[in-house]
Amino acid sequence: MPLLLHGEELEYNYLKARKLPKVRLTSRETSDLIMLAMGAFSPLKGFMNYEDYRSVVHDMELQDGLLWSVSITLSVSKEQGKTLKAGQEIALVEDKTSDILGVMTIEEKYTYDKR
């Protein structure tokens, strides 16, 4: 289930992304985004929501029961998190090159316990 865009849809979203708030991705998050885009993390359609994240951490499965052992999440600093809202579109940007890699709608925000 690849999520890559092509043609006019790609161009439209790239132009839109240039005007959106930017979230810089770590190298791990960039790799995760590439894997999501090419369908390697199918059936995931994006970074995990809280229920999938919690289920993976505690039970090694997605909330629908599919075996899954690695959480695929997008993190931001507390400061940036305060400026972002559910429903908002953001541009995902590679940290070192500042290349725009994608557009995402924030579905929800949550924190986690590193333990």
PDB file of N, CA and C in Angstrom:
ATOM      1  N   MET A   1       0.845  -1.171   0.000  1.00  0.00           N
ATOM      2  CA  MET A   1       0.000   0.000   0.000  1.00  0.00           C
ATOM      3  C   MET A   1       0.897   1.243   0.000  1.00  0.00           C
ATOM      4  N   PRO A   2       1.534   1.545  -1.108  1.00  0.00           N
ATOM      5  CA  PRO A   2       2.409   2.716  -1.151  1.00  0.00           C
ATOM      6  C   PRO A   2       1.628   4.021  -1.011  1.00  0.00           C
ATOM      7  N   LEU A   3       2.275   5.023  -0.454  1.00  0.00           N
ATOM      8  CA  LEU A   3       1.664   6.327  -0.221  1.00  0.00           C
ATOM      9  C   LEU A   3       2.314   7.420  -1.068  1.00  0.00           C
ATOM     10  N   LEU A   4       3.137   7.023  -2.018  1.00  0.00           N
ATOM     11  CA  LEU A   4       3.842   7.986  -2.860  1.00  0.00           C
ATOM     12  C   LEU A   4       2.878   8.723  -3.782  1.00  0.00           C
ATOM     13  N   LEU A   5       3.177   9.984  -4.031  1.00  0.00           N
ATOM     14  CA  LEU A   5       2.388  10.788  -4.964  1.00  0.00           C
ATOM     15  C   LEU A   5       3.144  10.919  -6.272  1.00  0.00           C
ATOM     16  N   HIS A   6       2.394  11.168  -7.346  1.00  0.00           N
ATOM     17  CA  HIS A   6       2.998  11.316  -8.668  1.00  0.00           C
ATOM     18  C   HIS A   6       2.325  12.453  -9.416  1.00  0.00           C
ATOM     19  N   GLY A   7       3.017  12.974 -10.406  1.00  0.00           N
ATOM     20  CA  GLY A   7       2.438  13.929 -11.341  1.00  0.00           C
ATOM     21  C   GLY A   7       1.905  15.183 -10.696  1.00  0.00           C
ATOM     22  N   GLU A   8       0.695  15.579 -11.118  1.00  0.00           N
ATOM     23  CA  GLU A   8       0.087  16.823 -10.646  1.00  0.00           C
ATOM     24  C   GLU A   8      -0.171  16.801  -9.143  1.00  0.00           C
ATOM     25  N   GLU A   9      -0.542  15.644  -8.613  1.00  0.00           N
ATOM     26  CA  GLU A   9      -0.794  15.538  -7.167  1.00  0.00           C
ATOM     27  C   GLU A   9       0.485  15.806  -6.378  1.00  0.00           C
ATOM     28  N   LEU A  10       1.607  15.291  -6.848  1.00  0.00           N
ATOM     29  CA  LEU A  10       2.901  15.536  -6.205  1.00  0.00           C
ATOM     30  C   LEU A  10       3.248  17.017  -6.277  1.00  0.00           C
ATOM     31  N   GLU A  11       3.117  17.620  -7.433  1.00  0.00           N
ATOM     32  CA  GLU A  11       3.454  19.034  -7.597  1.00  0.00           C
ATOM     33  C   GLU A  11       2.563  19.915  -6.723  1.00  0.00           C
ATOM     34  N   TYR A  12       1.258  19.630  -6.701  1.00  0.00           N
ATOM     35  CA  TYR A  12       0.323  20.393  -5.882  1.00  0.00           C
ATOM     36  C   TYR A  12       0.718  20.332  -4.405  1.00  0.00           C
ATOM     37  N   ASN A  13       0.992  19.130  -3.902  1.00  0.00           N
ATOM     38  CA  ASN A  13       1.340  18.971  -2.493  1.00  0.00           C
ATOM     39  C   ASN A  13       2.690  19.574  -2.160  1.00  0.00           C
ATOM     40  N   TYR A  14       3.627  19.540  -3.089  1.00  0.00           N
ATOM     41  CA  TYR A  14       4.929  20.169  -2.851  1.00  0.00           C
ATOM     42  C   TYR A  14       4.761  21.683  -2.707  1.00  0.00           C
ATOM     43  N   LEU A  15       3.999  22.293  -3.592  1.00  0.00           N
ATOM     44  CA  LEU A  15       3.776  23.739  -3.507  1.00  0.00           C
ATOM     45  C   LEU A  15       3.035  24.106  -2.224  1.00  0.00           C
ATOM     46  N   LYS A  16       2.061  23.281  -1.843  1.00  0.00           N
ATOM     47  CA  LYS A  16       1.321  23.507  -0.602  1.00  0.00           C
ATOM     48  C   LYS A  16       2.255  23.380   0.601  1.00  0.00           C
ATOM     49  N   ALA A  17       3.129  22.392   0.576  1.00  0.00           N
ATOM     50  CA  ALA A  17       4.028  22.124   1.708  1.00  0.00           C
ATOM     51  C   ALA A  17       4.963  23.301   1.977  1.00  0.00           C
ATOM     52  N   ARG A  18       5.331  24.025   0.955  1.00  0.00           N
ATOM     53  CA  ARG A  18       6.250  25.157   1.131  1.00  0.00           C
ATOM     54  C   ARG A  18       5.657  26.235   2.023  1.00  0.00           C
ATOM     55  N   LYS A  19       4.324  26.272   2.150  1.00  0.00           N
ATOM     56  CA  LYS A  19       3.641  27.299   2.950  1.00  0.00           C
ATOM     57  C   LYS A  19       3.219  26.794   4.335  1.00  0.00           C
ATOM     58  N   LEU A  20       3.387  25.505   4.578  1.00  0.00           N
ATOM     59  CA  LEU A  20       2.928  24.902   5.832  1.00  0.00           C
ATOM     60  C   LEU A  20       3.996  24.995   6.921  1.00  0.00           C
ATOM     61  N   PRO A  21       3.583  24.882   8.198  1.00  0.00           N
ATOM     62  CA  PRO A  21       4.571  24.764   9.273  1.00  0.00           C
ATOM     63  C   PRO A  21       5.449  23.543   9.016  1.00  0.00           C
ATOM     64  N   LYS A  22       6.736  23.662   9.310  1.00  0.00           N
ATOM     65  CA  LYS A  22       7.696  22.590   9.039  1.00  0.00           C
ATOM     66  C   LYS A  22       8.002  21.809  10.318  1.00  0.00           C
ATOM     67  N   VAL A  23       8.056  20.487  10.174  1.00  0.00           N
ATOM     68  CA  VAL A  23       8.529  19.613  11.249  1.00  0.00           C
ATOM     69  C   VAL A  23       9.754  18.902  10.704  1.00  0.00           C
ATOM     70  N   ARG A  24      10.879  19.098  11.382  1.00  0.00           N
ATOM     71  CA  ARG A  24      12.140  18.502  10.949  1.00  0.00           C
ATOM     72  C   ARG A  24      12.203  17.068  11.456  1.00  0.00           C
ATOM     73  N   LEU A  25      12.595  16.154  10.579  1.00  0.00           N
ATOM     74  CA  LEU A  25      12.645  14.733  10.905  1.00  0.00           C
ATOM     75  C   LEU A  25      14.065  14.307  11.261  1.00  0.00           C
ATOM     76  N   THR A  26      14.180  13.453  12.254  1.00  0.00           N
ATOM     77  CA  THR A  26      15.462  12.819  12.554  1.00  0.00           C
ATOM     78  C   THR A  26      15.768  11.823  11.444  1.00  0.00           C
ATOM     79  N   SER A  27      16.964  11.280  11.428  1.00  0.00           N
ATOM     80  CA  SER A  27      17.309  10.287  10.397  1.00  0.00           C
ATOM     81  C   SER A  27      16.419   9.051  10.514  1.00  0.00           C
ATOM     82  N   ARG A  28      16.070   8.649  11.737  1.00  0.00           N
ATOM     83  CA  ARG A  28      15.173   7.498  11.923  1.00  0.00           C
ATOM     84  C   ARG A  28      13.783   7.807  11.383  1.00  0.00           C
ATOM     85  N   GLU A  29      13.270   8.999  11.690  1.00  0.00           N
ATOM     86  CA  GLU A  29      11.937   9.365  11.212  1.00  0.00           C
ATOM     87  C   GLU A  29      11.915   9.502   9.685  1.00  0.00           C
ATOM     88  N   THR A  30      13.017  10.003   9.115  1.00  0.00           N
ATOM     89  CA  THR A  30      13.118  10.077   7.663  1.00  0.00           C
ATOM     90  C   THR A  30      13.056   8.678   7.065  1.00  0.00           C
ATOM     91  N   SER A  31      13.786   7.745   7.657  1.00  0.00           N
ATOM     92  CA  SER A  31      13.752   6.355   7.191  1.00  0.00           C
ATOM     93  C   SER A  31      12.355   5.766   7.332  1.00  0.00           C
ATOM     94  N   ASP A  32      11.699   6.044   8.462  1.00  0.00           N
ATOM     95  CA  ASP A  32      10.331   5.553   8.667  1.00  0.00           C
ATOM     96  C   ASP A  32       9.384   6.129   7.615  1.00  0.00           C
ATOM     97  N   LEU A  33       9.528   7.419   7.315  1.00  0.00           N
ATOM     98  CA  LEU A  33       8.670   8.048   6.307  1.00  0.00           C
ATOM     99  C   LEU A  33       8.883   7.402   4.941  1.00  0.00           C
ATOM    100  N   ILE A  34      10.126   7.146   4.585  1.00  0.00           N
ATOM    101  CA  ILE A  34      10.415   6.480   3.304  1.00  0.00           C
ATOM    102  C   ILE A  34       9.784   5.094   3.272  1.00  0.00           C
ATOM    103  N   MET A  35       9.904   4.350   4.368  1.00  0.00           N
ATOM    104  CA  MET A  35       9.304   3.011   4.426  1.00  0.00           C
ATOM    105  C   MET A  35       7.779   3.082   4.334  1.00  0.00           C
ATOM    106  N   LEU A  36       7.157   4.073   5.012  1.00  0.00           N
ATOM    107  CA  LEU A  36       5.712   4.264   4.899  1.00  0.00           C
ATOM    108  C   LEU A  36       5.335   4.585   3.455  1.00  0.00           C
ATOM    109  N   ALA A  37       6.099   5.486   2.837  1.00  0.00           N
ATOM    110  CA  ALA A  37       5.783   5.947   1.481  1.00  0.00           C
ATOM    111  C   ALA A  37       5.836   4.817   0.461  1.00  0.00           C
ATOM    112  N   MET A  38       6.791   3.916   0.603  1.00  0.00           N
ATOM    113  CA  MET A  38       6.909   2.843  -0.381  1.00  0.00           C
ATOM    114  C   MET A  38       6.067   1.617  -0.037  1.00  0.00           C
ATOM    115  N   GLY A  39       5.339   1.678   1.082  1.00  0.00           N
ATOM    116  CA  GLY A  39       4.434   0.595   1.437  1.00  0.00           C
ATOM    117  C   GLY A  39       5.056  -0.504   2.276  1.00  0.00           C
ATOM    118  N   ALA A  40       6.299  -0.327   2.694  1.00  0.00           N
ATOM    119  CA  ALA A  40       6.990  -1.375   3.456  1.00  0.00           C
ATOM    120  C   ALA A  40       6.392  -1.560   4.856  1.00  0.00           C
ATOM    121  N   PHE A  41       5.701  -0.558   5.376  1.00  0.00           N
ATOM    122  CA  PHE A  41       5.059  -0.666   6.687  1.00  0.00           C
ATOM    123  C   PHE A  41       3.551  -0.911   6.552  1.00  0.00           C
ATOM    124  N   SER A  42       3.128  -1.391   5.407  1.00  0.00           N
ATOM    125  CA  SER A  42       1.723  -1.698   5.198  1.00  0.00           C
ATOM    126  C   SER A  42       1.277  -2.710   6.254  1.00  0.00           C
ATOM    127  N   PRO A  43       0.171  -2.523   6.902  1.00  0.00           N
ATOM    128  CA  PRO A  43      -0.976  -1.708   6.532  1.00  0.00           C
ATOM    129  C   PRO A  43      -0.985  -0.299   7.129  1.00  0.00           C
ATOM    130  N   LEU A  44       0.110   0.144   7.757  1.00  0.00           N
ATOM    131  CA  LEU A  44       0.116   1.500   8.304  1.00  0.00           C
ATOM    132  C   LEU A  44      -0.065   2.509   7.180  1.00  0.00           C
ATOM    133  N   LYS A  45      -0.868   3.534   7.453  1.00  0.00           N
ATOM    134  CA  LYS A  45      -1.114   4.604   6.478  1.00  0.00           C
ATOM    135  C   LYS A  45      -0.425   5.893   6.904  1.00  0.00           C
ATOM    136  N   GLY A  46       0.364   5.813   7.958  1.00  0.00           N
ATOM    137  CA  GLY A  46       1.072   6.976   8.487  1.00  0.00           C
ATOM    138  C   GLY A  46       1.683   6.615   9.824  1.00  0.00           C
ATOM    139  N   PHE A  47       2.213   7.615  10.487  1.00  0.00           N
ATOM    140  CA  PHE A  47       2.769   7.393  11.817  1.00  0.00           C
ATOM    141  C   PHE A  47       1.644   6.946  12.750  1.00  0.00           C
ATOM    142  N   MET A  48       1.992   6.169  13.767  1.00  0.00           N
ATOM    143  CA  MET A  48       0.991   5.544  14.631  1.00  0.00           C
ATOM    144  C   MET A  48       0.250   6.543  15.512  1.00  0.00           C
ATOM    145  N   ASN A  49      -1.047   6.282  15.679  1.00  0.00           N
ATOM    146  CA  ASN A  49      -1.815   7.024  16.670  1.00  0.00           C
ATOM    147  C   ASN A  49      -1.507   6.442  18.054  1.00  0.00           C
ATOM    148  N   TYR A  50      -2.060   7.064  19.083  1.00  0.00           N
ATOM    149  CA  TYR A  50      -1.729   6.637  20.447  1.00  0.00           C
ATOM    150  C   TYR A  50      -2.152   5.198  20.726  1.00  0.00           C
ATOM    151  N   GLU A  51      -3.328   4.807  20.304  1.00  0.00           N
ATOM    152  CA  GLU A  51      -3.804   3.453  20.611  1.00  0.00           C
ATOM    153  C   GLU A  51      -2.916   2.395  19.966  1.00  0.00           C
ATOM    154  N   ASP A  52      -2.502   2.593  18.714  1.00  0.00           N
ATOM    155  CA  ASP A  52      -1.581   1.642  18.089  1.00  0.00           C
ATOM    156  C   ASP A  52      -0.229   1.662  18.796  1.00  0.00           C
ATOM    157  N   TYR A  53       0.275   2.859  19.098  1.00  0.00           N
ATOM    158  CA  TYR A  53       1.557   2.981  19.804  1.00  0.00           C
ATOM    159  C   TYR A  53       1.510   2.225  21.133  1.00  0.00           C
ATOM    160  N   ARG A  54       0.481   2.484  21.938  1.00  0.00           N
ATOM    161  CA  ARG A  54       0.356   1.844  23.249  1.00  0.00           C
ATOM    162  C   ARG A  54       0.255   0.328  23.107  1.00  0.00           C
ATOM    163  N   SER A  55      -0.514  -0.121  22.143  1.00  0.00           N
ATOM    164  CA  SER A  55      -0.696  -1.546  21.927  1.00  0.00           C
ATOM    165  C   SER A  55       0.614  -2.216  21.502  1.00  0.00           C
ATOM    166  N   VAL A  56       1.377  -1.558  20.649  1.00  0.00           N
ATOM    167  CA  VAL A  56       2.667  -2.112  20.212  1.00  0.00           C
ATOM    168  C   VAL A  56       3.642  -2.198  21.383  1.00  0.00           C
ATOM    169  N   VAL A  57       3.706  -1.140  22.170  1.00  0.00           N
ATOM    170  CA  VAL A  57       4.633  -1.126  23.313  1.00  0.00           C
ATOM    171  C   VAL A  57       4.275  -2.192  24.341  1.00  0.00           C
ATOM    172  N   HIS A  58       2.994  -2.339  24.620  1.00  0.00           N
ATOM    173  CA  HIS A  58       2.581  -3.263  25.691  1.00  0.00           C
ATOM    174  C   HIS A  58       2.310  -4.692  25.219  1.00  0.00           C
ATOM    175  N   ASP A  59       1.818  -4.848  23.983  1.00  0.00           N
ATOM    176  CA  ASP A  59       1.371  -6.174  23.539  1.00  0.00           C
ATOM    177  C   ASP A  59       2.035  -6.669  22.250  1.00  0.00           C
ATOM    178  N   MET A  60       2.914  -5.841  21.645  1.00  0.00           N
ATOM    179  CA  MET A  60       3.587  -6.181  20.386  1.00  0.00           C
ATOM    180  C   MET A  60       2.590  -6.495  19.267  1.00  0.00           C
ATOM    181  N   GLU A  61       1.495  -5.722  19.238  1.00  0.00           N
ATOM    182  CA  GLU A  61       0.533  -5.840  18.152  1.00  0.00           C
ATOM    183  C   GLU A  61      -0.186  -4.508  17.985  1.00  0.00           C
ATOM    184  N   LEU A  62      -0.693  -4.278  16.778  1.00  0.00           N
ATOM    185  CA  LEU A  62      -1.507  -3.093  16.546  1.00  0.00           C
ATOM    186  C   LEU A  62      -2.835  -3.274  17.259  1.00  0.00           C
ATOM    187  N   GLN A  63      -3.583  -2.198  17.414  1.00  0.00           N
ATOM    188  CA  GLN A  63      -4.848  -2.296  18.151  1.00  0.00           C
ATOM    189  C   GLN A  63      -5.838  -3.243  17.481  1.00  0.00           C
ATOM    190  N   ASP A  64      -5.665  -3.527  16.179  1.00  0.00           N
ATOM    191  CA  ASP A  64      -6.554  -4.474  15.507  1.00  0.00           C
ATOM    192  C   ASP A  64      -6.092  -5.925  15.662  1.00  0.00           C
ATOM    193  N   GLY A  65      -4.991  -6.145  16.431  1.00  0.00           N
ATOM    194  CA  GLY A  65      -4.514  -7.489  16.705  1.00  0.00           C
ATOM    195  C   GLY A  65      -3.398  -7.971  15.795  1.00  0.00           C
ATOM    196  N   LEU A  66      -3.041  -7.211  14.756  1.00  0.00           N
ATOM    197  CA  LEU A  66      -1.959  -7.600  13.854  1.00  0.00           C
ATOM    198  C   LEU A  66      -0.619  -7.537  14.586  1.00  0.00           C
ATOM    199  N   LEU A  67       0.158  -8.600  14.532  1.00  0.00           N
ATOM    200  CA  LEU A  67       1.465  -8.645  15.172  1.00  0.00           C
ATOM    201  C   LEU A  67       2.343  -7.519  14.634  1.00  0.00           C
ATOM    202  N   TRP A  68       2.907  -6.707  15.545  1.00  0.00           N
ATOM    203  CA  TRP A  68       3.755  -5.578  15.155  1.00  0.00           C
ATOM    204  C   TRP A  68       4.657  -5.257  16.348  1.00  0.00           C
ATOM    205  N   SER A  69       5.956  -5.213  16.142  1.00  0.00           N
ATOM    206  CA  SER A  69       6.873  -5.092  17.283  1.00  0.00           C
ATOM    207  C   SER A  69       7.606  -3.758  17.391  1.00  0.00           C
ATOM    208  N   VAL A  70       7.476  -2.884  16.404  1.00  0.00           N
ATOM    209  CA  VAL A  70       8.232  -1.627  16.417  1.00  0.00           C
ATOM    210  C   VAL A  70       7.265  -0.455  16.288  1.00  0.00           C
ATOM    211  N   SER A  71       7.385   0.521  17.191  1.00  0.00           N
ATOM    212  CA  SER A  71       6.526   1.698  17.082  1.00  0.00           C
ATOM    213  C   SER A  71       7.066   2.627  16.000  1.00  0.00           C
ATOM    214  N   ILE A  72       6.176   3.161  15.200  1.00  0.00           N
ATOM    215  CA  ILE A  72       6.519   4.074  14.114  1.00  0.00           C
ATOM    216  C   ILE A  72       5.853   5.404  14.453  1.00  0.00           C
ATOM    217  N   THR A  73       6.615   6.294  15.069  1.00  0.00           N
ATOM    218  CA  THR A  73       6.056   7.547  15.571  1.00  0.00           C
ATOM    219  C   THR A  73       6.863   8.742  15.081  1.00  0.00           C
ATOM    220  N   LEU A  74       6.241   9.899  15.168  1.00  0.00           N
ATOM    221  CA  LEU A  74       6.880  11.164  14.823  1.00  0.00           C
ATOM    222  C   LEU A  74       6.932  12.010  16.081  1.00  0.00           C
ATOM    223  N   SER A  75       8.126  12.435  16.465  1.00  0.00           N
ATOM    224  CA  SER A  75       8.304  13.226  17.686  1.00  0.00           C
ATOM    225  C   SER A  75       8.652  14.662  17.343  1.00  0.00           C
ATOM    226  N   VAL A  76       8.188  15.553  18.186  1.00  0.00           N
ATOM    227  CA  VAL A  76       8.591  16.960  18.092  1.00  0.00           C
ATOM    228  C   VAL A  76       8.970  17.417  19.494  1.00  0.00           C
ATOM    229  N   SER A  77       9.659  18.532  19.580  1.00  0.00           N
ATOM    230  CA  SER A  77      10.014  19.081  20.887  1.00  0.00           C
ATOM    231  C   SER A  77       8.740  19.543  21.599  1.00  0.00           C
ATOM    232  N   LYS A  78       8.816  19.682  22.924  1.00  0.00           N
ATOM    233  CA  LYS A  78       7.666  20.180  23.681  1.00  0.00           C
ATOM    234  C   LYS A  78       7.260  21.561  23.185  1.00  0.00           C
ATOM    235  N   GLU A  79       8.261  22.388  22.880  1.00  0.00           N
ATOM    236  CA  GLU A  79       7.982  23.747  22.412  1.00  0.00           C
ATOM    237  C   GLU A  79       7.204  23.724  21.092  1.00  0.00           C
ATOM    238  N   GLN A  80       7.681  22.920  20.133  1.00  0.00           N
ATOM    239  CA  GLN A  80       6.977  22.852  18.857  1.00  0.00           C
ATOM    240  C   GLN A  80       5.625  22.188  19.025  1.00  0.00           C
ATOM    241  N   GLY A  81       5.543  21.183  19.882  1.00  0.00           N
ATOM    242  CA  GLY A  81       4.279  20.507  20.120  1.00  0.00           C
ATOM    243  C   GLY A  81       3.190  21.457  20.591  1.00  0.00           C
ATOM    244  N   LYS A  82       3.567  22.477  21.351  1.00  0.00           N
ATOM    245  CA  LYS A  82       2.586  23.460  21.827  1.00  0.00           C
ATOM    246  C   LYS A  82       2.003  24.287  20.689  1.00  0.00           C
ATOM    247  N   THR A  83       2.731  24.409  19.581  1.00  0.00           N
ATOM    248  CA  THR A  83       2.266  25.234  18.463  1.00  0.00           C
ATOM    249  C   THR A  83       1.450  24.443  17.446  1.00  0.00           C
ATOM    250  N   LEU A  84       1.459  23.128  17.538  1.00  0.00           N
ATOM    251  CA  LEU A  84       0.772  22.275  16.568  1.00  0.00           C
ATOM    252  C   LEU A  84      -0.551  21.780  17.137  1.00  0.00           C
ATOM    253  N   LYS A  85      -1.542  21.600  16.244  1.00  0.00           N
ATOM    254  CA  LYS A  85      -2.871  21.194  16.686  1.00  0.00           C
ATOM    255  C   LYS A  85      -3.387  20.029  15.842  1.00  0.00           C
ATOM    256  N   ALA A  86      -4.228  19.208  16.450  1.00  0.00           N
ATOM    257  CA  ALA A  86      -4.890  18.135  15.704  1.00  0.00           C
ATOM    258  C   ALA A  86      -5.695  18.750  14.570  1.00  0.00           C
ATOM    259  N   GLY A  87      -5.647  18.125  13.397  1.00  0.00           N
ATOM    260  CA  GLY A  87      -6.329  18.630  12.227  1.00  0.00           C
ATOM    261  C   GLY A  87      -5.479  19.541  11.355  1.00  0.00           C
ATOM    262  N   GLN A  88      -4.342  19.964  11.880  1.00  0.00           N
ATOM    263  CA  GLN A  88      -3.454  20.866  11.155  1.00  0.00           C
ATOM    264  C   GLN A  88      -2.572  20.095  10.179  1.00  0.00           C
ATOM    265  N   GLU A  89      -2.340  20.672   9.004  1.00  0.00           N
ATOM    266  CA  GLU A  89      -1.408  20.085   8.048  1.00  0.00           C
ATOM    267  C   GLU A  89      -0.012  20.641   8.312  1.00  0.00           C
ATOM    268  N   ILE A  90       0.977  19.767   8.159  1.00  0.00           N
ATOM    269  CA  ILE A  90       2.374  20.160   8.330  1.00  0.00           C
ATOM    270  C   ILE A  90       3.199  19.601   7.181  1.00  0.00           C
ATOM    271  N   ALA A  91       4.345  20.212   6.967  1.00  0.00           N
ATOM    272  CA  ALA A  91       5.314  19.699   5.997  1.00  0.00           C
ATOM    273  C   ALA A  91       6.372  18.923   6.764  1.00  0.00           C
ATOM    274  N   LEU A  92       6.725  17.754   6.275  1.00  0.00           N
ATOM    275  CA  LEU A  92       7.765  16.931   6.878  1.00  0.00           C
ATOM    276  C   LEU A  92       9.058  17.197   6.118  1.00  0.00           C
ATOM    277  N   VAL A  93      10.090  17.619   6.858  1.00  0.00           N
ATOM    278  CA  VAL A  93      11.315  18.112   6.248  1.00  0.00           C
ATOM    279  C   VAL A  93      12.511  17.330   6.776  1.00  0.00           C
ATOM    280  N   GLU A  94      13.386  16.916   5.866  1.00  0.00           N
ATOM    281  CA  GLU A  94      14.618  16.221   6.248  1.00  0.00           C
ATOM    282  C   GLU A  94      15.515  17.222   6.963  1.00  0.00           C
ATOM    283  N   ASP A  95      16.009  16.845   8.138  1.00  0.00           N
ATOM    284  CA  ASP A  95      16.719  17.774   9.007  1.00  0.00           C
ATOM    285  C   ASP A  95      17.999  18.332   8.384  1.00  0.00           C
ATOM    286  N   LYS A  96      18.811  17.494   7.790  1.00  0.00           N
ATOM    287  CA  LYS A  96      20.121  17.954   7.299  1.00  0.00           C
ATOM    288  C   LYS A  96      20.036  18.753   6.008  1.00  0.00           C
ATOM    289  N   THR A  97      19.136  18.368   5.104  1.00  0.00           N
ATOM    290  CA  THR A  97      19.080  19.016   3.792  1.00  0.00           C
ATOM    291  C   THR A  97      17.954  20.038   3.676  1.00  0.00           C
ATOM    292  N   SER A  98      16.996  19.996   4.600  1.00  0.00           N
ATOM    293  CA  SER A  98      15.789  20.834   4.567  1.00  0.00           C
ATOM    294  C   SER A  98      14.885  20.518   3.383  1.00  0.00           C
ATOM    295  N   ASP A  99      15.081  19.350   2.759  1.00  0.00           N
ATOM    296  CA  ASP A  99      14.209  18.927   1.658  1.00  0.00           C
ATOM    297  C   ASP A  99      12.828  18.584   2.206  1.00  0.00           C
ATOM    298  N   ILE A 100      11.798  19.006   1.497  1.00  0.00           N
ATOM    299  CA  ILE A 100      10.425  18.639   1.856  1.00  0.00           C
ATOM    300  C   ILE A 100      10.188  17.206   1.402  1.00  0.00           C
ATOM    301  N   LEU A 101       9.813  16.350   2.349  1.00  0.00           N
ATOM    302  CA  LEU A 101       9.607  14.932   2.048  1.00  0.00           C
ATOM    303  C   LEU A 101       8.145  14.530   2.014  1.00  0.00           C
ATOM    304  N   GLY A 102       7.297  15.323   2.632  1.00  0.00           N
ATOM    305  CA  GLY A 102       5.901  14.939   2.664  1.00  0.00           C
ATOM    306  C   GLY A 102       5.029  15.971   3.331  1.00  0.00           C
ATOM    307  N   VAL A 103       3.734  15.718   3.247  1.00  0.00           N
ATOM    308  CA  VAL A 103       2.707  16.523   3.909  1.00  0.00           C
ATOM    309  C   VAL A 103       1.901  15.570   4.769  1.00  0.00           C
ATOM    310  N   MET A 104       1.548  16.027   5.955  1.00  0.00           N
ATOM    311  CA  MET A 104       0.806  15.175   6.882  1.00  0.00           C
ATOM    312  C   MET A 104      -0.230  16.006   7.624  1.00  0.00           C
ATOM    313  N   THR A 105      -1.373  15.406   7.894  1.00  0.00           N
ATOM    314  CA  THR A 105      -2.372  16.011   8.768  1.00  0.00           C
ATOM    315  C   THR A 105      -2.221  15.394  10.144  1.00  0.00           C
ATOM    316  N   ILE A 106      -2.086  16.219  11.148  1.00  0.00           N
ATOM    317  CA  ILE A 106      -1.951  15.736  12.529  1.00  0.00           C
ATOM    318  C   ILE A 106      -3.303  15.209  12.981  1.00  0.00           C
ATOM    319  N   GLU A 107      -3.349  13.924  13.315  1.00  0.00           N
ATOM    320  CA  GLU A 107      -4.601  13.333  13.798  1.00  0.00           C
ATOM    321  C   GLU A 107      -4.751  13.512  15.299  1.00  0.00           C
ATOM    322  N   GLU A 108      -3.664  13.347  16.025  1.00  0.00           N
ATOM    323  CA  GLU A 108      -3.703  13.516  17.471  1.00  0.00           C
ATOM    324  C   GLU A 108      -2.295  13.752  17.982  1.00  0.00           C
ATOM    325  N   LYS A 109      -2.222  14.310  19.178  1.00  0.00           N
ATOM    326  CA  LYS A 109      -0.939  14.529  19.845  1.00  0.00           C
ATOM    327  C   LYS A 109      -0.955  13.725  21.144  1.00  0.00           C
ATOM    328  N   TYR A 110       0.194  13.146  21.474  1.00  0.00           N
ATOM    329  CA  TYR A 110       0.284  12.414  22.730  1.00  0.00           C
ATOM    330  C   TYR A 110       1.726  12.387  23.198  1.00  0.00           C
ATOM    331  N   THR A 111       1.897  12.133  24.482  1.00  0.00           N
ATOM    332  CA  THR A 111       3.220  11.997  25.062  1.00  0.00           C
ATOM    333  C   THR A 111       3.425  10.536  25.423  1.00  0.00           C
ATOM    334  N   TYR A 112       4.649  10.193  25.765  1.00  0.00           N
ATOM    335  CA  TYR A 112       4.936   8.820  26.129  1.00  0.00           C
ATOM    336  C   TYR A 112       5.931   8.796  27.285  1.00  0.00           C
ATOM    337  N   ASP A 113       5.965   7.670  27.953  1.00  0.00           N
ATOM    338  CA  ASP A 113       6.882   7.446  29.067  1.00  0.00           C
ATOM    339  C   ASP A 113       8.060   6.645  28.514  1.00  0.00           C
ATOM    340  N   LYS A 114       9.258   7.213  28.531  1.00  0.00           N
ATOM    341  CA  LYS A 114      10.427   6.553  27.941  1.00  0.00           C
ATOM    342  C   LYS A 114      10.757   5.229  28.611  1.00  0.00           C
ATOM    343  N   ARG A 115      10.292   5.018  29.834  1.00  0.00           N
ATOM    344  CA  ARG A 115      10.546   3.739  30.488  1.00  0.00           C
ATOM    345  C   ARG A 115       9.774   2.664  29.784  1.00  0.00           C
TER     346      ARG A 115
END
